[in-house]
Amino acid sequence: MAKVKHGGGSLRDYIYNSDAAHTQKIAETYLSIFQDFRRVDRVTLPLLKTLDQLMSSGCFSKLPESERLSTAVVYSYDSLKEKP
């Protein structure tokens, strides 16, 4: 299996260099993928690891507090726990 060595760094750079509107679209896309594949561990676990790295590095800090991805992910996680 091929391994991407610099994919995370490239993604962080891309998001850092994007404007707030494009960053919001990226966040919404991640949320959509998470919601669509919430029961597929091979998708959600790497997605959550990537989101953790992006959020830890402040990639989404240019978004207003009310629209930050962390709120959306917490909401999705809570709704995931409630649904069988």
PDB file of N, CA and C in Angstrom:
ATOM      1  N   MET A   1       0.850  -1.175   0.000  1.00  0.00           N
ATOM      2  CA  MET A   1       0.000   0.000   0.000  1.00  0.00           C
ATOM      3  C   MET A   1       0.900   1.244   0.000  1.00  0.00           C
ATOM      4  N   ALA A   2       0.550   2.176  -0.840  1.00  0.00           N
ATOM      5  CA  ALA A   2       1.314   3.427  -0.923  1.00  0.00           C
ATOM      6  C   ALA A   2       0.997   4.312   0.274  1.00  0.00           C
ATOM      7  N   LYS A   3       2.001   5.040   0.704  1.00  0.00           N
ATOM      8  CA  LYS A   3       1.820   5.934   1.842  1.00  0.00           C
ATOM      9  C   LYS A   3       2.142   7.360   1.408  1.00  0.00           C
ATOM     10  N   VAL A   4       1.252   8.262   1.741  1.00  0.00           N
ATOM     11  CA  VAL A   4       1.465   9.670   1.409  1.00  0.00           C
ATOM     12  C   VAL A   4       2.259  10.297   2.544  1.00  0.00           C
ATOM     13  N   LYS A   5       3.436  10.816   2.234  1.00  0.00           N
ATOM     14  CA  LYS A   5       4.302  11.366   3.270  1.00  0.00           C
ATOM     15  C   LYS A   5       3.996  12.819   3.594  1.00  0.00           C
ATOM     16  N   HIS A   6       3.656  13.595   2.599  1.00  0.00           N
ATOM     17  CA  HIS A   6       3.509  15.028   2.809  1.00  0.00           C
ATOM     18  C   HIS A   6       2.091  15.525   2.562  1.00  0.00           C
ATOM     19  N   GLY A   7       1.130  14.609   2.513  1.00  0.00           N
ATOM     20  CA  GLY A   7      -0.254  14.983   2.227  1.00  0.00           C
ATOM     21  C   GLY A   7      -0.848  15.900   3.284  1.00  0.00           C
ATOM     22  N   GLY A   8      -0.612  15.587   4.551  1.00  0.00           N
ATOM     23  CA  GLY A   8      -1.154  16.407   5.638  1.00  0.00           C
ATOM     24  C   GLY A   8      -0.595  17.821   5.622  1.00  0.00           C
ATOM     25  N   GLY A   9       0.696  17.926   5.391  1.00  0.00           N
ATOM     26  CA  GLY A   9       1.322  19.247   5.328  1.00  0.00           C
ATOM     27  C   GLY A   9       0.815  20.057   4.154  1.00  0.00           C
ATOM     28  N   SER A  10       0.630  19.391   3.028  1.00  0.00           N
ATOM     29  CA  SER A  10       0.101  20.078   1.849  1.00  0.00           C
ATOM     30  C   SER A  10      -1.324  20.551   2.081  1.00  0.00           C
ATOM     31  N   LEU A  11      -2.122  19.714   2.728  1.00  0.00           N
ATOM     32  CA  LEU A  11      -3.506  20.098   3.026  1.00  0.00           C
ATOM     33  C   LEU A  11      -3.537  21.283   3.987  1.00  0.00           C
ATOM     34  N   ARG A  12      -2.703  21.251   5.026  1.00  0.00           N
ATOM     35  CA  ARG A  12      -2.635  22.378   5.961  1.00  0.00           C
ATOM     36  C   ARG A  12      -2.239  23.664   5.241  1.00  0.00           C
ATOM     37  N   ASP A  13      -1.229  23.572   4.384  1.00  0.00           N
ATOM     38  CA  ASP A  13      -0.798  24.757   3.630  1.00  0.00           C
ATOM     39  C   ASP A  13      -1.919  25.279   2.740  1.00  0.00           C
ATOM     40  N   TYR A  14      -2.621  24.372   2.098  1.00  0.00           N
ATOM     41  CA  TYR A  14      -3.719  24.761   1.214  1.00  0.00           C
ATOM     42  C   TYR A  14      -4.809  25.494   1.999  1.00  0.00           C
ATOM     43  N   ILE A  15      -5.167  24.958   3.164  1.00  0.00           N
ATOM     44  CA  ILE A  15      -6.219  25.588   3.968  1.00  0.00           C
ATOM     45  C   ILE A  15      -5.741  26.926   4.518  1.00  0.00           C
ATOM     46  N   TYR A  16      -4.496  26.990   4.975  1.00  0.00           N
ATOM     47  CA  TYR A  16      -3.946  28.268   5.473  1.00  0.00           C
ATOM     48  C   TYR A  16      -4.007  29.359   4.412  1.00  0.00           C
ATOM     49  N   ASN A  17      -3.778  28.980   3.161  1.00  0.00           N
ATOM     50  CA  ASN A  17      -3.741  29.956   2.077  1.00  0.00           C
ATOM     51  C   ASN A  17      -5.103  30.214   1.443  1.00  0.00           C
ATOM     52  N   SER A  18      -6.138  29.571   1.941  1.00  0.00           N
ATOM     53  CA  SER A  18      -7.491  29.771   1.430  1.00  0.00           C
ATOM     54  C   SER A  18      -8.177  30.900   2.192  1.00  0.00           C
ATOM     55  N   ASP A  19      -9.130  31.538   1.537  1.00  0.00           N
ATOM     56  CA  ASP A  19      -9.906  32.560   2.239  1.00  0.00           C
ATOM     57  C   ASP A  19     -10.945  31.881   3.136  1.00  0.00           C
ATOM     58  N   ALA A  20     -11.596  32.666   3.970  1.00  0.00           N
ATOM     59  CA  ALA A  20     -12.538  32.122   4.958  1.00  0.00           C
ATOM     60  C   ALA A  20     -13.695  31.379   4.297  1.00  0.00           C
ATOM     61  N   ALA A  21     -14.190  31.888   3.170  1.00  0.00           N
ATOM     62  CA  ALA A  21     -15.316  31.233   2.499  1.00  0.00           C
ATOM     63  C   ALA A  21     -14.926  29.849   1.980  1.00  0.00           C
ATOM     64  N   HIS A  22     -13.743  29.751   1.423  1.00  0.00           N
ATOM     65  CA  HIS A  22     -13.285  28.452   0.911  1.00  0.00           C
ATOM     66  C   HIS A  22     -12.977  27.504   2.072  1.00  0.00           C
ATOM     67  N   THR A  23     -12.414  28.022   3.129  1.00  0.00           N
ATOM     68  CA  THR A  23     -12.146  27.210   4.314  1.00  0.00           C
ATOM     69  C   THR A  23     -13.455  26.669   4.894  1.00  0.00           C
ATOM     70  N   GLN A  24     -14.488  27.489   4.898  1.00  0.00           N
ATOM     71  CA  GLN A  24     -15.801  27.045   5.375  1.00  0.00           C
ATOM     72  C   GLN A  24     -16.329  25.912   4.494  1.00  0.00           C
ATOM     73  N   LYS A  25     -16.144  26.015   3.189  1.00  0.00           N
ATOM     74  CA  LYS A  25     -16.588  24.972   2.263  1.00  0.00           C
ATOM     75  C   LYS A  25     -15.845  23.672   2.526  1.00  0.00           C
ATOM     76  N   ILE A  26     -14.552  23.765   2.807  1.00  0.00           N
ATOM     77  CA  ILE A  26     -13.762  22.579   3.133  1.00  0.00           C
ATOM     78  C   ILE A  26     -14.296  21.939   4.411  1.00  0.00           C
ATOM     79  N   ALA A  27     -14.578  22.749   5.413  1.00  0.00           N
ATOM     80  CA  ALA A  27     -15.115  22.246   6.679  1.00  0.00           C
ATOM     81  C   ALA A  27     -16.461  21.565   6.457  1.00  0.00           C
ATOM     82  N   GLU A  28     -17.314  22.160   5.646  1.00  0.00           N
ATOM     83  CA  GLU A  28     -18.625  21.569   5.355  1.00  0.00           C
ATOM     84  C   GLU A  28     -18.479  20.247   4.611  1.00  0.00           C
ATOM     85  N   THR A  29     -17.484  20.163   3.741  1.00  0.00           N
ATOM     86  CA  THR A  29     -17.243  18.917   3.011  1.00  0.00           C
ATOM     87  C   THR A  29     -16.803  17.809   3.960  1.00  0.00           C
ATOM     88  N   TYR A  30     -15.903  18.137   4.880  1.00  0.00           N
ATOM     89  CA  TYR A  30     -15.490  17.153   5.887  1.00  0.00           C
ATOM     90  C   TYR A  30     -16.683  16.694   6.719  1.00  0.00           C
ATOM     91  N   LEU A  31     -17.512  17.615   7.110  1.00  0.00           N
ATOM     92  CA  LEU A  31     -18.697  17.264   7.897  1.00  0.00           C
ATOM     93  C   LEU A  31     -19.630  16.370   7.101  1.00  0.00           C
ATOM     94  N   SER A  32     -19.829  16.670   5.849  1.00  0.00           N
ATOM     95  CA  SER A  32     -20.692  15.863   4.987  1.00  0.00           C
ATOM     96  C   SER A  32     -20.160  14.437   4.849  1.00  0.00           C
ATOM     97  N   ILE A  33     -18.850  14.315   4.643  1.00  0.00           N
ATOM     98  CA  ILE A  33     -18.241  12.983   4.546  1.00  0.00           C
ATOM     99  C   ILE A  33     -18.423  12.235   5.850  1.00  0.00           C
ATOM    100  N   PHE A  34     -18.200  12.922   6.960  1.00  0.00           N
ATOM    101  CA  PHE A  34     -18.361  12.284   8.268  1.00  0.00           C
ATOM    102  C   PHE A  34     -19.796  11.792   8.464  1.00  0.00           C
ATOM    103  N   GLN A  35     -20.761  12.602   8.110  1.00  0.00           N
ATOM    104  CA  GLN A  35     -22.160  12.219   8.272  1.00  0.00           C
ATOM    105  C   GLN A  35     -22.543  11.077   7.329  1.00  0.00           C
ATOM    106  N   ASP A  36     -22.064  11.120   6.088  1.00  0.00           N
ATOM    107  CA  ASP A  36     -22.406  10.087   5.109  1.00  0.00           C
ATOM    108  C   ASP A  36     -21.810   8.732   5.447  1.00  0.00           C
ATOM    109  N   PHE A  37     -20.644   8.723   6.084  1.00  0.00           N
ATOM    110  CA  PHE A  37     -19.935   7.469   6.366  1.00  0.00           C
ATOM    111  C   PHE A  37     -19.794   7.214   7.868  1.00  0.00           C
ATOM    112  N   ARG A  38     -20.711   7.711   8.659  1.00  0.00           N
ATOM    113  CA  ARG A  38     -20.563   7.647  10.114  1.00  0.00           C
ATOM    114  C   ARG A  38     -20.457   6.234  10.671  1.00  0.00           C
ATOM    115  N   ARG A  39     -20.891   5.248   9.945  1.00  0.00           N
ATOM    116  CA  ARG A  39     -20.806   3.857  10.411  1.00  0.00           C
ATOM    117  C   ARG A  39     -19.663   3.076   9.761  1.00  0.00           C
ATOM    118  N   VAL A  40     -18.815   3.739   9.010  1.00  0.00           N
ATOM    119  CA  VAL A  40     -17.730   3.067   8.298  1.00  0.00           C
ATOM    120  C   VAL A  40     -16.403   3.499   8.933  1.00  0.00           C
ATOM    121  N   ASP A  41     -15.892   2.653   9.808  1.00  0.00           N
ATOM    122  CA  ASP A  41     -14.685   2.993  10.567  1.00  0.00           C
ATOM    123  C   ASP A  41     -13.478   3.279   9.686  1.00  0.00           C
ATOM    124  N   ARG A  42     -13.350   2.591   8.567  1.00  0.00           N
ATOM    125  CA  ARG A  42     -12.179   2.796   7.718  1.00  0.00           C
ATOM    126  C   ARG A  42     -12.186   4.178   7.057  1.00  0.00           C
ATOM    127  N   VAL A  43     -13.342   4.856   7.101  1.00  0.00           N
ATOM    128  CA  VAL A  43     -13.445   6.226   6.597  1.00  0.00           C
ATOM    129  C   VAL A  43     -13.391   7.223   7.751  1.00  0.00           C
ATOM    130  N   THR A  44     -14.203   6.987   8.777  1.00  0.00           N
ATOM    131  CA  THR A  44     -14.332   7.980   9.848  1.00  0.00           C
ATOM    132  C   THR A  44     -13.091   8.097  10.727  1.00  0.00           C
ATOM    133  N   LEU A  45     -12.416   7.016  11.010  1.00  0.00           N
ATOM    134  CA  LEU A  45     -11.240   7.103  11.882  1.00  0.00           C
ATOM    135  C   LEU A  45     -10.113   7.924  11.253  1.00  0.00           C
ATOM    136  N   PRO A  46      -9.715   7.650  10.000  1.00  0.00           N
ATOM    137  CA  PRO A  46      -8.699   8.521   9.385  1.00  0.00           C
ATOM    138  C   PRO A  46      -9.192   9.967   9.231  1.00  0.00           C
ATOM    139  N   LEU A  47     -10.480  10.126   8.954  1.00  0.00           N
ATOM    140  CA  LEU A  47     -11.039  11.469   8.828  1.00  0.00           C
ATOM    141  C   LEU A  47     -10.907  12.230  10.141  1.00  0.00           C
ATOM    142  N   LEU A  48     -11.248  11.587  11.243  1.00  0.00           N
ATOM    143  CA  LEU A  48     -11.142  12.242  12.550  1.00  0.00           C
ATOM    144  C   LEU A  48      -9.695  12.531  12.921  1.00  0.00           C
ATOM    145  N   LYS A  49      -8.770  11.640  12.562  1.00  0.00           N
ATOM    146  CA  LYS A  49      -7.358  11.893  12.825  1.00  0.00           C
ATOM    147  C   LYS A  49      -6.868  13.107  12.037  1.00  0.00           C
ATOM    148  N   THR A  50      -7.281  13.179  10.780  1.00  0.00           N
ATOM    149  CA  THR A  50      -6.896  14.327   9.949  1.00  0.00           C
ATOM    150  C   THR A  50      -7.488  15.610  10.500  1.00  0.00           C
ATOM    151  N   LEU A  51      -8.761  15.574  10.874  1.00  0.00           N
ATOM    152  CA  LEU A  51      -9.410  16.759  11.442  1.00  0.00           C
ATOM    153  C   LEU A  51      -8.736  17.195  12.731  1.00  0.00           C
ATOM    154  N   ASP A  52      -8.329  16.238  13.545  1.00  0.00           N
ATOM    155  CA  ASP A  52      -7.626  16.567  14.782  1.00  0.00           C
ATOM    156  C   ASP A  52      -6.332  17.320  14.472  1.00  0.00           C
ATOM    157  N   GLN A  53      -5.588  16.843  13.489  1.00  0.00           N
ATOM    158  CA  GLN A  53      -4.341  17.518  13.106  1.00  0.00           C
ATOM    159  C   GLN A  53      -4.621  18.915  12.560  1.00  0.00           C
ATOM    160  N   LEU A  54      -5.645  19.040  11.719  1.00  0.00           N
ATOM    161  CA  LEU A  54      -5.977  20.341  11.138  1.00  0.00           C
ATOM    162  C   LEU A  54      -6.431  21.324  12.210  1.00  0.00           C
ATOM    163  N   MET A  55      -7.258  20.850  13.125  1.00  0.00           N
ATOM    164  CA  MET A  55      -7.766  21.733  14.174  1.00  0.00           C
ATOM    165  C   MET A  55      -6.661  22.090  15.163  1.00  0.00           C
ATOM    166  N   SER A  56      -5.782  21.144  15.463  1.00  0.00           N
ATOM    167  CA  SER A  56      -4.673  21.411  16.377  1.00  0.00           C
ATOM    168  C   SER A  56      -3.702  22.438  15.810  1.00  0.00           C
ATOM    169  N   SER A  57      -3.577  22.446  14.506  1.00  0.00           N
ATOM    170  CA  SER A  57      -2.657  23.396  13.886  1.00  0.00           C
ATOM    171  C   SER A  57      -3.314  24.741  13.595  1.00  0.00           C
ATOM    172  N   GLY A  58      -4.596  24.878  13.938  1.00  0.00           N
ATOM    173  CA  GLY A  58      -5.280  26.157  13.784  1.00  0.00           C
ATOM    174  C   GLY A  58      -5.769  26.462  12.386  1.00  0.00           C
ATOM    175  N   CYS A  59      -5.894  25.448  11.549  1.00  0.00           N
ATOM    176  CA  CYS A  59      -6.313  25.670  10.163  1.00  0.00           C
ATOM    177  C   CYS A  59      -7.687  26.327  10.051  1.00  0.00           C
ATOM    178  N   PHE A  60      -8.556  26.064  11.007  1.00  0.00           N
ATOM    179  CA  PHE A  60      -9.910  26.586  10.928  1.00  0.00           C
ATOM    180  C   PHE A  60     -10.114  27.816  11.812  1.00  0.00           C
ATOM    181  N   SER A  61      -9.027  28.384  12.299  1.00  0.00           N
ATOM    182  CA  SER A  61      -9.142  29.534  13.206  1.00  0.00           C
ATOM    183  C   SER A  61      -9.645  30.795  12.512  1.00  0.00           C
ATOM    184  N   LYS A  62      -9.555  30.856  11.192  1.00  0.00           N
ATOM    185  CA  LYS A  62     -10.040  32.040  10.483  1.00  0.00           C
ATOM    186  C   LYS A  62     -11.563  32.074  10.378  1.00  0.00           C
ATOM    187  N   LEU A  63     -12.215  30.949  10.721  1.00  0.00           N
ATOM    188  CA  LEU A  63     -13.679  30.902  10.699  1.00  0.00           C
ATOM    189  C   LEU A  63     -14.236  31.544  11.965  1.00  0.00           C
ATOM    190  N   PRO A  64     -15.405  32.174  11.866  1.00  0.00           N
ATOM    191  CA  PRO A  64     -16.037  32.707  13.071  1.00  0.00           C
ATOM    192  C   PRO A  64     -16.305  31.577  14.062  1.00  0.00           C
ATOM    193  N   GLU A  65     -16.255  31.881  15.328  1.00  0.00           N
ATOM    194  CA  GLU A  65     -16.441  30.869  16.368  1.00  0.00           C
ATOM    195  C   GLU A  65     -17.714  30.054  16.147  1.00  0.00           C
ATOM    196  N   SER A  66     -18.777  30.703  15.718  1.00  0.00           N
ATOM    197  CA  SER A  66     -20.055  30.009  15.551  1.00  0.00           C
ATOM    198  C   SER A  66     -20.037  29.018  14.393  1.00  0.00           C
ATOM    199  N   GLU A  67     -19.058  29.121  13.512  1.00  0.00           N
ATOM    200  CA  GLU A  67     -19.026  28.247  12.348  1.00  0.00           C
ATOM    201  C   GLU A  67     -17.840  27.294  12.351  1.00  0.00           C
ATOM    202  N   ARG A  68     -17.155  27.203  13.444  1.00  0.00           N
ATOM    203  CA  ARG A  68     -15.981  26.342  13.498  1.00  0.00           C
ATOM    204  C   ARG A  68     -16.367  24.887  13.365  1.00  0.00           C
ATOM    205  N   LEU A  69     -15.508  24.152  12.737  1.00  0.00           N
ATOM    206  CA  LEU A  69     -15.747  22.745  12.490  1.00  0.00           C
ATOM    207  C   LEU A  69     -15.861  21.942  13.780  1.00  0.00           C
ATOM    208  N   SER A  70     -15.155  22.358  14.816  1.00  0.00           N
ATOM    209  CA  SER A  70     -15.181  21.592  16.055  1.00  0.00           C
ATOM    210  C   SER A  70     -16.602  21.478  16.598  1.00  0.00           C
ATOM    211  N   THR A  71     -17.377  22.539  16.500  1.00  0.00           N
ATOM    212  CA  THR A  71     -18.762  22.505  16.957  1.00  0.00           C
ATOM    213  C   THR A  71     -19.561  21.519  16.133  1.00  0.00           C
ATOM    214  N   ALA A  72     -19.365  21.523  14.842  1.00  0.00           N
ATOM    215  CA  ALA A  72     -20.094  20.618  13.961  1.00  0.00           C
ATOM    216  C   ALA A  72     -19.722  19.166  14.223  1.00  0.00           C
ATOM    217  N   VAL A  73     -18.441  18.896  14.452  1.00  0.00           N
ATOM    218  CA  VAL A  73     -18.010  17.531  14.711  1.00  0.00           C
ATOM    219  C   VAL A  73     -18.557  17.033  16.037  1.00  0.00           C
ATOM    220  N   VAL A  74     -18.531  17.873  17.057  1.00  0.00           N
ATOM    221  CA  VAL A  74     -19.098  17.482  18.350  1.00  0.00           C
ATOM    222  C   VAL A  74     -20.585  17.187  18.203  1.00  0.00           C
ATOM    223  N   TYR A  75     -21.295  18.031  17.460  1.00  0.00           N
ATOM    224  CA  TYR A  75     -22.718  17.811  17.221  1.00  0.00           C
ATOM    225  C   TYR A  75     -22.931  16.479  16.503  1.00  0.00           C
ATOM    226  N   SER A  76     -22.143  16.214  15.474  1.00  0.00           N
ATOM    227  CA  SER A  76     -22.278  14.974  14.718  1.00  0.00           C
ATOM    228  C   SER A  76     -21.958  13.769  15.591  1.00  0.00           C
ATOM    229  N   TYR A  77     -20.938  13.880  16.425  1.00  0.00           N
ATOM    230  CA  TYR A  77     -20.578  12.781  17.311  1.00  0.00           C
ATOM    231  C   TYR A  77     -21.708  12.502  18.293  1.00  0.00           C
ATOM    232  N   ASP A  78     -22.295  13.562  18.838  1.00  0.00           N
ATOM    233  CA  ASP A  78     -23.415  13.370  19.760  1.00  0.00           C
ATOM    234  C   ASP A  78     -24.606  12.737  19.062  1.00  0.00           C
ATOM    235  N   SER A  79     -24.896  13.136  17.836  1.00  0.00           N
ATOM    236  CA  SER A  79     -26.022  12.547  17.119  1.00  0.00           C
ATOM    237  C   SER A  79     -25.718  11.109  16.733  1.00  0.00           C
ATOM    238  N   LEU A  80     -24.461  10.791  16.513  1.00  0.00           N
ATOM    239  CA  LEU A  80     -24.048   9.447  16.200  1.00  0.00           C
ATOM    240  C   LEU A  80     -24.300   8.521  17.390  1.00  0.00           C
ATOM    241  N   LYS A  81     -24.020   8.997  18.581  1.00  0.00           N
ATOM    242  CA  LYS A  81     -24.242   8.190  19.784  1.00  0.00           C
ATOM    243  C   LYS A  81     -25.717   7.925  20.003  1.00  0.00           C
ATOM    244  N   GLU A  82     -26.587   8.855  19.596  1.00  0.00           N
ATOM    245  CA  GLU A  82     -28.012   8.713  19.840  1.00  0.00           C
ATOM    246  C   GLU A  82     -28.694   7.768  18.869  1.00  0.00           C
ATOM    247  N   LYS A  83     -28.179   7.624  17.658  1.00  0.00           N
ATOM    248  CA  LYS A  83     -28.827   6.810  16.636  1.00  0.00           C
ATOM    249  C   LYS A  83     -28.241   5.400  16.631  1.00  0.00           C
ATOM    250  N   PRO A  84     -29.100   4.390  16.537  1.00  0.00           N
ATOM    251  CA  PRO A  84     -28.589   3.004  16.489  1.00  0.00           C
ATOM    252  C   PRO A  84     -27.949   2.684  15.153  1.00  0.00           C
TER     253      PRO A  84
END
